[in-house]
Amino acid sequence: MPYKTVLVHVDESAHASERIKIAAAIAMAENAHLIGTAMTGASRYLVQARMLAELDPNLRTHLDFLHARAMRGLDDFEATAQKLGLTSFEKRMVDDEAGGGICLQARYADLVVIGQNDPNELSPVVMPDFPEYVVLYSGRPVLLVPYSGHFEGIGKHVLVAWDASMPATRAVSSAIPLLRRAQTVQVVVFNPHVRPQAHGNVPGSDIALYLARHEVRVEVVQRSAEHDIGLALQALVSELQADLLVMGGYGHARFREILLGGVTSTVLETMRVPVLMAH
């Protein structure tokens, strides 16, 4: 399914412009509508109880401050979209923290673009588990952009991490619009002997054939990793000079504590190129 609505998280961070440019490039290539959404950080439940703000002038002043800060990010988004020549875009301000607000808006988008958390740039709006939360609860493929580096024309050389799981299946099918435009797509299967029943006699051949029917040119790579597959995957990204990684996102939550799979956690912490994940 093509991307017809792309949602990008907008804020005042130093890294926002990079993910906006990436989201805009995808929207232009797909002839899609781009939505830039900024969260104020104010609880939507508090804002809905407007009487509280009316009774407390200090609270009203603080809400005005939060709205002004979000609007500055949206103004930057609008300026970037206009500069790039986008013809279909809009900006939205949402009273909520970043995770809840993005997940709610994601229900009406085909692709969500957010940033990796920068440990040196704390935000009162974005919680530390923001990327993990969006991957697990948005119900949409999520393109995560690293906080360091500049990325021109992502998706020319794509590495797909394949383990025949449901999250990996969702990630691959969600990435097809990007994969079809790629110059090279390599599918890596780590330690296929661990789950031979899932991979068949020729590990990677079934997913390669599936993608070939979508006019995606694929090369299958088999690798072994004795310890941390996440680190081995990142090393392979560098070795193959991939500019996009596609993989499943694994984990579950206990209240707001996010419990991630080992590979997912490693990639979220150490990514050096954009990563498309689906849960």
C-alpha atoms as a PDB file:
ATOM      1  CA  MET A   1       0.000   0.000   0.000  1.00  0.00           C
ATOM      2  CA  PRO A   2       1.456   3.405  -0.930  1.00  0.00           C
ATOM      3  CA  TYR A   3       1.947   6.110   1.658  1.00  0.00           C
ATOM      4  CA  LYS A   4      -0.775   8.729   1.239  1.00  0.00           C
ATOM      5  CA  THR A   5      -0.478  10.377   4.658  1.00  0.00           C
ATOM      6  CA  VAL A   6       2.869  10.883   6.410  1.00  0.00           C
ATOM      7  CA  LEU A   7       2.982  12.120  10.006  1.00  0.00           C
ATOM      8  CA  VAL A   8       6.113  13.765  11.425  1.00  0.00           C
ATOM      9  CA  HIS A   9       6.793  14.766  15.025  1.00  0.00           C
ATOM     10  CA  VAL A  10       7.675  18.458  15.272  1.00  0.00           C
ATOM     11  CA  ASP A  11       9.322  20.266  18.172  1.00  0.00           C
ATOM     12  CA  GLU A  12      11.985  22.869  18.899  1.00  0.00           C
ATOM     13  CA  SER A  13      14.853  20.392  19.146  1.00  0.00           C
ATOM     14  CA  ALA A  14      18.003  20.875  17.120  1.00  0.00           C
ATOM     15  CA  HIS A  15      17.277  17.624  15.276  1.00  0.00           C
ATOM     16  CA  ALA A  16      13.715  18.370  14.167  1.00  0.00           C
ATOM     17  CA  SER A  17      14.728  19.832  10.795  1.00  0.00           C
ATOM     18  CA  GLU A  18      16.454  16.585   9.757  1.00  0.00           C
ATOM     19  CA  ARG A  19      13.384  14.403  10.310  1.00  0.00           C
ATOM     20  CA  ILE A  20      11.124  17.031   8.709  1.00  0.00           C
ATOM     21  CA  LYS A  21      13.280  16.983   5.568  1.00  0.00           C
ATOM     22  CA  ILE A  22      13.205  13.177   5.452  1.00  0.00           C
ATOM     23  CA  ALA A  23       9.430  13.065   5.962  1.00  0.00           C
ATOM     24  CA  ALA A  24       8.951  15.748   3.299  1.00  0.00           C
ATOM     25  CA  ALA A  25      11.132  13.863   0.800  1.00  0.00           C
ATOM     26  CA  ILE A  26       9.076  10.696   1.309  1.00  0.00           C
ATOM     27  CA  ALA A  27       5.809  12.631   0.992  1.00  0.00           C
ATOM     28  CA  MET A  28       6.971  14.222  -2.259  1.00  0.00           C
ATOM     29  CA  ALA A  29       8.123  10.893  -3.721  1.00  0.00           C
ATOM     30  CA  GLU A  30       4.816   9.248  -2.784  1.00  0.00           C
ATOM     31  CA  ASN A  31       2.630  12.248  -3.697  1.00  0.00           C
ATOM     32  CA  ALA A  32       1.399  12.076  -0.104  1.00  0.00           C
ATOM     33  CA  HIS A  33      -0.036  14.555   2.370  1.00  0.00           C
ATOM     34  CA  LEU A  34       2.409  15.583   5.121  1.00  0.00           C
ATOM     35  CA  ILE A  35       1.209  16.401   8.648  1.00  0.00           C
ATOM     36  CA  GLY A  36       3.530  18.123  11.092  1.00  0.00           C
ATOM     37  CA  THR A  37       2.314  17.613  14.658  1.00  0.00           C
ATOM     38  CA  ALA A  38       3.669  19.422  17.716  1.00  0.00           C
ATOM     39  CA  MET A  39       2.648  18.472  21.231  1.00  0.00           C
ATOM     40  CA  THR A  40       2.411  21.166  23.883  1.00  0.00           C
ATOM     41  CA  GLY A  41       3.193  18.837  26.779  1.00  0.00           C
ATOM     42  CA  ALA A  42       0.003  19.849  28.586  1.00  0.00           C
ATOM     43  CA  SER A  43      -2.265  16.987  29.585  1.00  0.00           C
ATOM     44  CA  ARG A  44      -5.240  16.763  27.262  1.00  0.00           C
ATOM     45  CA  TYR A  45      -7.387  15.956  30.285  1.00  0.00           C
ATOM     46  CA  LEU A  46      -6.291  19.135  32.024  1.00  0.00           C
ATOM     47  CA  VAL A  47      -6.894  21.266  28.962  1.00  0.00           C
ATOM     48  CA  GLN A  48     -10.324  19.738  28.467  1.00  0.00           C
ATOM     49  CA  ALA A  49     -11.231  20.941  31.964  1.00  0.00           C
ATOM     50  CA  ARG A  50     -11.046  24.566  30.854  1.00  0.00           C
ATOM     51  CA  MET A  51     -12.514  25.826  34.097  1.00  0.00           C
ATOM     52  CA  LEU A  52      -9.193  25.057  35.799  1.00  0.00           C
ATOM     53  CA  ALA A  53      -7.355  27.443  33.515  1.00  0.00           C
ATOM     54  CA  GLU A  54     -10.025  30.080  33.920  1.00  0.00           C
ATOM     55  CA  LEU A  55      -9.864  29.862  37.700  1.00  0.00           C
ATOM     56  CA  ASP A  56      -6.057  29.849  37.882  1.00  0.00           C
ATOM     57  CA  PRO A  57      -4.353  32.676  35.963  1.00  0.00           C
ATOM     58  CA  ASN A  58      -0.930  31.118  36.572  1.00  0.00           C
ATOM     59  CA  LEU A  59      -2.032  27.940  34.843  1.00  0.00           C
ATOM     60  CA  ARG A  60      -3.405  29.972  31.947  1.00  0.00           C
ATOM     61  CA  THR A  61      -0.054  31.736  31.590  1.00  0.00           C
ATOM     62  CA  HIS A  62       1.787  28.423  31.578  1.00  0.00           C
ATOM     63  CA  LEU A  63      -0.545  26.959  28.931  1.00  0.00           C
ATOM     64  CA  ASP A  64       0.022  30.031  26.759  1.00  0.00           C
ATOM     65  CA  PHE A  65       3.779  29.477  27.100  1.00  0.00           C
ATOM     66  CA  LEU A  66       3.458  25.816  26.063  1.00  0.00           C
ATOM     67  CA  HIS A  67       1.321  26.739  23.051  1.00  0.00           C
ATOM     68  CA  ALA A  68       3.778  29.428  21.940  1.00  0.00           C
ATOM     69  CA  ARG A  69       6.692  26.995  22.157  1.00  0.00           C
ATOM     70  CA  ALA A  70       4.849  24.372  20.088  1.00  0.00           C
ATOM     71  CA  MET A  71       3.876  26.999  17.530  1.00  0.00           C
ATOM     72  CA  ARG A  72       7.507  27.987  16.980  1.00  0.00           C
ATOM     73  CA  GLY A  73       8.266  24.403  15.999  1.00  0.00           C
ATOM     74  CA  LEU A  74       5.271  24.353  13.663  1.00  0.00           C
ATOM     75  CA  ASP A  75       6.357  27.614  12.038  1.00  0.00           C
ATOM     76  CA  ASP A  76       9.739  26.044  11.274  1.00  0.00           C
ATOM     77  CA  PHE A  77       7.957  22.992   9.849  1.00  0.00           C
ATOM     78  CA  GLU A  78       5.816  25.171   7.589  1.00  0.00           C
ATOM     79  CA  ALA A  79       8.828  27.154   6.368  1.00  0.00           C
ATOM     80  CA  THR A  80      10.716  23.941   5.535  1.00  0.00           C
ATOM     81  CA  ALA A  81       7.738  22.405   3.720  1.00  0.00           C
ATOM     82  CA  GLN A  82       7.258  25.536   1.638  1.00  0.00           C
ATOM     83  CA  LYS A  83      10.964  25.769   0.834  1.00  0.00           C
ATOM     84  CA  LEU A  84      11.004  22.159  -0.381  1.00  0.00           C
ATOM     85  CA  GLY A  85       7.997  22.776  -2.601  1.00  0.00           C
ATOM     86  CA  LEU A  86       5.465  20.528  -0.883  1.00  0.00           C
ATOM     87  CA  THR A  87       1.980  21.159  -2.209  1.00  0.00           C
ATOM     88  CA  SER A  88      -0.029  19.150   0.344  1.00  0.00           C
ATOM     89  CA  PHE A  89       0.788  19.650   4.011  1.00  0.00           C
ATOM     90  CA  GLU A  90      -0.667  20.904   7.265  1.00  0.00           C
ATOM     91  CA  LYS A  91       0.462  21.697  10.789  1.00  0.00           C
ATOM     92  CA  ARG A  92      -1.296  20.594  13.971  1.00  0.00           C
ATOM     93  CA  MET A  93      -0.914  21.500  17.615  1.00  0.00           C
ATOM     94  CA  VAL A  94      -2.018  18.880  20.132  1.00  0.00           C
ATOM     95  CA  ASP A  95      -2.398  19.272  23.891  1.00  0.00           C
ATOM     96  CA  ASP A  96      -0.686  16.102  25.101  1.00  0.00           C
ATOM     97  CA  GLU A  97       2.723  14.632  25.807  1.00  0.00           C
ATOM     98  CA  ALA A  98       4.606  13.429  22.747  1.00  0.00           C
ATOM     99  CA  GLY A  99       3.959   9.673  23.008  1.00  0.00           C
ATOM    100  CA  GLY A 100       0.215   9.846  23.554  1.00  0.00           C
ATOM    101  CA  GLY A 101      -0.292  12.634  21.035  1.00  0.00           C
ATOM    102  CA  ILE A 102       1.671  11.009  18.222  1.00  0.00           C
ATOM    103  CA  CYS A 103       0.063   7.595  18.766  1.00  0.00           C
ATOM    104  CA  LEU A 104      -3.401   9.144  18.571  1.00  0.00           C
ATOM    105  CA  GLN A 105      -2.599  11.042  15.363  1.00  0.00           C
ATOM    106  CA  ALA A 106      -0.881   7.980  13.880  1.00  0.00           C
ATOM    107  CA  ARG A 107      -4.209   6.182  13.557  1.00  0.00           C
ATOM    108  CA  TYR A 108      -4.888   8.339  10.502  1.00  0.00           C
ATOM    109  CA  ALA A 109      -1.457   8.087   8.845  1.00  0.00           C
ATOM    110  CA  ASP A 110       0.388   5.467   6.781  1.00  0.00           C
ATOM    111  CA  LEU A 111       3.866   6.271   8.097  1.00  0.00           C
ATOM    112  CA  VAL A 112       5.114   8.004  11.255  1.00  0.00           C
ATOM    113  CA  VAL A 113       8.478   9.805  11.345  1.00  0.00           C
ATOM    114  CA  ILE A 114      10.048  10.539  14.734  1.00  0.00           C
ATOM    115  CA  GLY A 115      13.529  11.058  16.134  1.00  0.00           C
ATOM    116  CA  GLN A 116      15.827   8.995  18.304  1.00  0.00           C
ATOM    117  CA  ASN A 117      16.130  10.423  21.813  1.00  0.00           C
ATOM    118  CA  ASP A 118      19.204  12.572  22.348  1.00  0.00           C
ATOM    119  CA  PRO A 119      20.492  11.976  25.908  1.00  0.00           C
ATOM    120  CA  ASN A 120      22.120  15.416  25.830  1.00  0.00           C
ATOM    121  CA  GLU A 121      18.921  17.252  24.922  1.00  0.00           C
ATOM    122  CA  LEU A 122      16.205  16.613  27.487  1.00  0.00           C
ATOM    123  CA  SER A 123      12.663  17.745  26.747  1.00  0.00           C
ATOM    124  CA  PRO A 124       9.730  18.395  29.106  1.00  0.00           C
ATOM    125  CA  VAL A 125       7.384  17.185  26.356  1.00  0.00           C
ATOM    126  CA  VAL A 126       9.187  14.047  25.141  1.00  0.00           C
ATOM    127  CA  MET A 127       9.517  11.251  27.695  1.00  0.00           C
ATOM    128  CA  PRO A 128      12.652   9.051  27.711  1.00  0.00           C
ATOM    129  CA  ASP A 129      10.731   6.061  26.314  1.00  0.00           C
ATOM    130  CA  PHE A 130       9.145   8.054  23.460  1.00  0.00           C
ATOM    131  CA  PRO A 131      10.550   6.075  20.481  1.00  0.00           C
ATOM    132  CA  GLU A 132       9.775   2.714  22.089  1.00  0.00           C
ATOM    133  CA  TYR A 133       6.293   3.833  23.066  1.00  0.00           C
ATOM    134  CA  VAL A 134       5.426   4.982  19.545  1.00  0.00           C
ATOM    135  CA  VAL A 135       6.766   1.781  17.962  1.00  0.00           C
ATOM    136  CA  LEU A 136       4.688  -0.378  20.317  1.00  0.00           C
ATOM    137  CA  TYR A 137       1.469   1.654  20.446  1.00  0.00           C
ATOM    138  CA  SER A 138       1.049   3.655  17.244  1.00  0.00           C
ATOM    139  CA  GLY A 139      -0.141   0.687  15.201  1.00  0.00           C
ATOM    140  CA  ARG A 140       1.814   2.086  12.252  1.00  0.00           C
ATOM    141  CA  PRO A 141       5.283   1.674  10.751  1.00  0.00           C
ATOM    142  CA  VAL A 142       7.650   4.120  12.419  1.00  0.00           C
ATOM    143  CA  LEU A 143      10.683   5.661  10.750  1.00  0.00           C
ATOM    144  CA  LEU A 144      13.202   6.641  13.421  1.00  0.00           C
ATOM    145  CA  VAL A 145      15.841   9.231  12.558  1.00  0.00           C
ATOM    146  CA  PRO A 146      19.126   9.262  14.536  1.00  0.00           C
ATOM    147  CA  TYR A 147      19.862  12.395  16.536  1.00  0.00           C
ATOM    148  CA  SER A 148      23.341  12.664  15.007  1.00  0.00           C
ATOM    149  CA  GLY A 149      24.238  12.948  11.346  1.00  0.00           C
ATOM    150  CA  HIS A 150      22.704  14.256   8.142  1.00  0.00           C
ATOM    151  CA  PHE A 151      20.885  11.944   5.755  1.00  0.00           C
ATOM    152  CA  GLU A 152      20.457  12.765   2.098  1.00  0.00           C
ATOM    153  CA  GLY A 153      18.218  10.559   0.003  1.00  0.00           C
ATOM    154  CA  ILE A 154      17.634   7.677   2.409  1.00  0.00           C
ATOM    155  CA  GLY A 155      16.461   4.381   0.985  1.00  0.00           C
ATOM    156  CA  LYS A 156      18.921   3.987  -1.883  1.00  0.00           C
ATOM    157  CA  HIS A 157      20.673   1.063  -0.177  1.00  0.00           C
ATOM    158  CA  VAL A 158      18.430  -0.804   2.240  1.00  0.00           C
ATOM    159  CA  LEU A 159      19.202  -3.599   4.680  1.00  0.00           C
ATOM    160  CA  VAL A 160      16.267  -5.732   5.859  1.00  0.00           C
ATOM    161  CA  ALA A 161      16.673  -7.755   9.059  1.00  0.00           C
ATOM    162  CA  TRP A 162      14.566 -10.889   8.565  1.00  0.00           C
ATOM    163  CA  ASP A 163      13.697 -13.497  11.199  1.00  0.00           C
ATOM    164  CA  ALA A 164      10.285 -14.619   9.858  1.00  0.00           C
ATOM    165  CA  SER A 165       8.468 -13.127  12.865  1.00  0.00           C
ATOM    166  CA  MET A 166       5.213 -11.154  12.776  1.00  0.00           C
ATOM    167  CA  PRO A 167       6.891  -7.798  13.591  1.00  0.00           C
ATOM    168  CA  ALA A 168       9.457  -8.361  10.831  1.00  0.00           C
ATOM    169  CA  THR A 169       6.667  -9.298   8.415  1.00  0.00           C
ATOM    170  CA  ARG A 170       4.792  -6.079   9.212  1.00  0.00           C
ATOM    171  CA  ALA A 171       7.968  -4.041   8.842  1.00  0.00           C
ATOM    172  CA  VAL A 172       8.808  -5.511   5.437  1.00  0.00           C
ATOM    173  CA  SER A 173       5.307  -5.105   4.013  1.00  0.00           C
ATOM    174  CA  SER A 174       5.125  -1.552   5.386  1.00  0.00           C
ATOM    175  CA  ALA A 175       8.449  -0.672   3.764  1.00  0.00           C
ATOM    176  CA  ILE A 176       7.517  -1.813   0.244  1.00  0.00           C
ATOM    177  CA  PRO A 177       6.987   1.740  -1.097  1.00  0.00           C
ATOM    178  CA  LEU A 178      10.565   2.554  -0.050  1.00  0.00           C
ATOM    179  CA  LEU A 179      11.996  -0.795  -1.143  1.00  0.00           C
ATOM    180  CA  ARG A 180      10.593  -0.462  -4.659  1.00  0.00           C
ATOM    181  CA  ARG A 181      12.565   2.757  -5.193  1.00  0.00           C
ATOM    182  CA  ALA A 182      15.808   1.415  -3.697  1.00  0.00           C
ATOM    183  CA  GLN A 183      18.863   0.727  -5.834  1.00  0.00           C
ATOM    184  CA  THR A 184      19.852  -2.265  -3.682  1.00  0.00           C
ATOM    185  CA  VAL A 185      17.955  -4.265  -1.070  1.00  0.00           C
ATOM    186  CA  GLN A 186      19.764  -6.866   0.989  1.00  0.00           C
ATOM    187  CA  VAL A 187      17.949  -9.225   3.334  1.00  0.00           C
ATOM    188  CA  VAL A 188      20.014 -10.587   6.196  1.00  0.00           C
ATOM    189  CA  VAL A 189      19.131 -13.714   8.158  1.00  0.00           C
ATOM    190  CA  PHE A 190      21.122 -14.202  11.360  1.00  0.00           C
ATOM    191  CA  ASN A 191      21.631 -17.714  12.737  1.00  0.00           C
ATOM    192  CA  PRO A 192      18.996 -19.381  10.514  1.00  0.00           C
ATOM    193  CA  HIS A 193      19.786 -22.765  12.085  1.00  0.00           C
ATOM    194  CA  VAL A 194      18.167 -21.582  15.350  1.00  0.00           C
ATOM    195  CA  ARG A 195      14.652 -21.590  13.824  1.00  0.00           C
ATOM    196  CA  PRO A 196      14.892 -23.826  10.737  1.00  0.00           C
ATOM    197  CA  GLN A 197      11.131 -24.434  10.687  1.00  0.00           C
ATOM    198  CA  ALA A 198      10.511 -20.714  10.157  1.00  0.00           C
ATOM    199  CA  HIS A 199      13.101 -20.189   7.409  1.00  0.00           C
ATOM    200  CA  GLY A 200      12.696 -23.331   5.325  1.00  0.00           C
ATOM    201  CA  ASN A 201      15.382 -25.148   3.352  1.00  0.00           C
ATOM    202  CA  VAL A 202      16.843 -21.952   1.892  1.00  0.00           C
ATOM    203  CA  PRO A 203      16.684 -19.221   4.571  1.00  0.00           C
ATOM    204  CA  GLY A 204      15.584 -15.886   3.147  1.00  0.00           C
ATOM    205  CA  SER A 205      14.379 -17.259  -0.172  1.00  0.00           C
ATOM    206  CA  ASP A 206      10.667 -17.011   0.632  1.00  0.00           C
ATOM    207  CA  ILE A 207      10.793 -13.346   1.654  1.00  0.00           C
ATOM    208  CA  ALA A 208      13.019 -12.603  -1.351  1.00  0.00           C
ATOM    209  CA  LEU A 209      10.452 -14.162  -3.689  1.00  0.00           C
ATOM    210  CA  TYR A 210       7.648 -12.244  -1.972  1.00  0.00           C
ATOM    211  CA  LEU A 211       9.503  -8.965  -2.500  1.00  0.00           C
ATOM    212  CA  ALA A 212      10.415  -9.849  -6.075  1.00  0.00           C
ATOM    213  CA  ARG A 213       6.707 -10.068  -6.875  1.00  0.00           C
ATOM    214  CA  HIS A 214       6.526  -6.446  -5.721  1.00  0.00           C
ATOM    215  CA  GLU A 215       9.306  -5.575  -8.187  1.00  0.00           C
ATOM    216  CA  VAL A 216      11.931  -5.300  -5.451  1.00  0.00           C
ATOM    217  CA  ARG A 217      15.403  -6.541  -6.371  1.00  0.00           C
ATOM    218  CA  VAL A 218      16.749  -8.535  -3.413  1.00  0.00           C
ATOM    219  CA  GLU A 219      19.992 -10.186  -2.370  1.00  0.00           C
ATOM    220  CA  VAL A 220      19.930 -12.571   0.612  1.00  0.00           C
ATOM    221  CA  VAL A 221      22.791 -12.595   3.114  1.00  0.00           C
ATOM    222  CA  GLN A 222      23.228 -15.182   5.879  1.00  0.00           C
ATOM    223  CA  ARG A 223      25.303 -14.300   8.920  1.00  0.00           C
ATOM    224  CA  SER A 224      26.151 -15.794  12.300  1.00  0.00           C
ATOM    225  CA  ALA A 225      26.246 -13.857  15.559  1.00  0.00           C
ATOM    226  CA  GLU A 226      27.247 -15.528  18.792  1.00  0.00           C
ATOM    227  CA  HIS A 227      26.351 -12.709  21.154  1.00  0.00           C
ATOM    228  CA  ASP A 228      24.552  -9.410  20.477  1.00  0.00           C
ATOM    229  CA  ILE A 229      22.698  -9.597  17.155  1.00  0.00           C
ATOM    230  CA  GLY A 230      21.842  -5.907  17.472  1.00  0.00           C
ATOM    231  CA  LEU A 231      25.504  -4.920  17.394  1.00  0.00           C
ATOM    232  CA  ALA A 232      26.176  -7.400  14.582  1.00  0.00           C
ATOM    233  CA  LEU A 233      23.314  -5.837  12.644  1.00  0.00           C
ATOM    234  CA  GLN A 234      24.712  -2.338  13.108  1.00  0.00           C
ATOM    235  CA  ALA A 235      28.141  -3.547  11.994  1.00  0.00           C
ATOM    236  CA  LEU A 236      26.573  -5.009   8.846  1.00  0.00           C
ATOM    237  CA  VAL A 237      24.828  -1.702   8.144  1.00  0.00           C
ATOM    238  CA  SER A 238      28.260  -0.046   8.103  1.00  0.00           C
ATOM    239  CA  GLU A 239      29.877  -2.853   6.091  1.00  0.00           C
ATOM    240  CA  LEU A 240      27.223  -2.716   3.364  1.00  0.00           C
ATOM    241  CA  GLN A 241      26.974   1.091   3.534  1.00  0.00           C
ATOM    242  CA  ALA A 242      23.213   0.855   3.934  1.00  0.00           C
ATOM    243  CA  ASP A 243      21.331   4.118   4.416  1.00  0.00           C
ATOM    244  CA  LEU A 244      18.142   2.528   5.803  1.00  0.00           C
ATOM    245  CA  LEU A 245      17.490  -0.435   8.095  1.00  0.00           C
ATOM    246  CA  VAL A 246      14.123  -2.222   8.104  1.00  0.00           C
ATOM    247  CA  MET A 247      13.294  -4.503  11.037  1.00  0.00           C
ATOM    248  CA  GLY A 248      10.605  -5.626  13.438  1.00  0.00           C
ATOM    249  CA  GLY A 249      10.234  -3.888  16.785  1.00  0.00           C
ATOM    250  CA  TYR A 250       9.860  -6.249  19.723  1.00  0.00           C
ATOM    251  CA  GLY A 251       8.622  -5.579  23.233  1.00  0.00           C
ATOM    252  CA  HIS A 252       5.687  -5.045  25.558  1.00  0.00           C
ATOM    253  CA  ALA A 253       4.779  -2.692  28.360  1.00  0.00           C
ATOM    254  CA  ARG A 254       4.067  -3.079  32.042  1.00  0.00           C
ATOM    255  CA  PHE A 255       2.205   0.086  32.936  1.00  0.00           C
ATOM    256  CA  ARG A 256       4.552   2.722  31.419  1.00  0.00           C
ATOM    257  CA  GLU A 257       7.692   0.593  31.783  1.00  0.00           C
ATOM    258  CA  ILE A 258       8.701  -0.488  28.308  1.00  0.00           C
ATOM    259  CA  LEU A 259      10.282  -3.938  28.115  1.00  0.00           C
ATOM    260  CA  LEU A 260      12.086  -4.337  24.801  1.00  0.00           C
ATOM    261  CA  GLY A 261      13.666  -7.247  23.028  1.00  0.00           C
ATOM    262  CA  GLY A 262      17.453  -7.212  23.051  1.00  0.00           C
ATOM    263  CA  VAL A 263      17.974  -6.471  19.340  1.00  0.00           C
ATOM    264  CA  THR A 264      15.355  -3.703  19.342  1.00  0.00           C
ATOM    265  CA  SER A 265      16.872  -2.068  22.410  1.00  0.00           C
ATOM    266  CA  THR A 266      20.393  -2.181  20.995  1.00  0.00           C
ATOM    267  CA  VAL A 267      19.355  -0.690  17.651  1.00  0.00           C
ATOM    268  CA  LEU A 268      17.350   2.118  19.271  1.00  0.00           C
ATOM    269  CA  GLU A 269      20.365   3.054  21.378  1.00  0.00           C
ATOM    270  CA  THR A 270      23.096   2.726  18.744  1.00  0.00           C
ATOM    271  CA  MET A 271      21.446   3.518  15.380  1.00  0.00           C
ATOM    272  CA  ARG A 272      23.545   5.478  12.905  1.00  0.00           C
ATOM    273  CA  VAL A 273      21.136   5.411   9.957  1.00  0.00           C
ATOM    274  CA  PRO A 274      17.339   5.791   9.878  1.00  0.00           C
ATOM    275  CA  VAL A 275      15.447   2.670  10.939  1.00  0.00           C
ATOM    276  CA  LEU A 276      11.952   1.668   9.878  1.00  0.00           C
ATOM    277  CA  MET A 277      10.310  -0.464  12.573  1.00  0.00           C
ATOM    278  CA  ALA A 278       6.907  -2.070  12.964  1.00  0.00           C
ATOM    279  CA  HIS A 279       5.526  -3.996  15.916  1.00  0.00           C
END
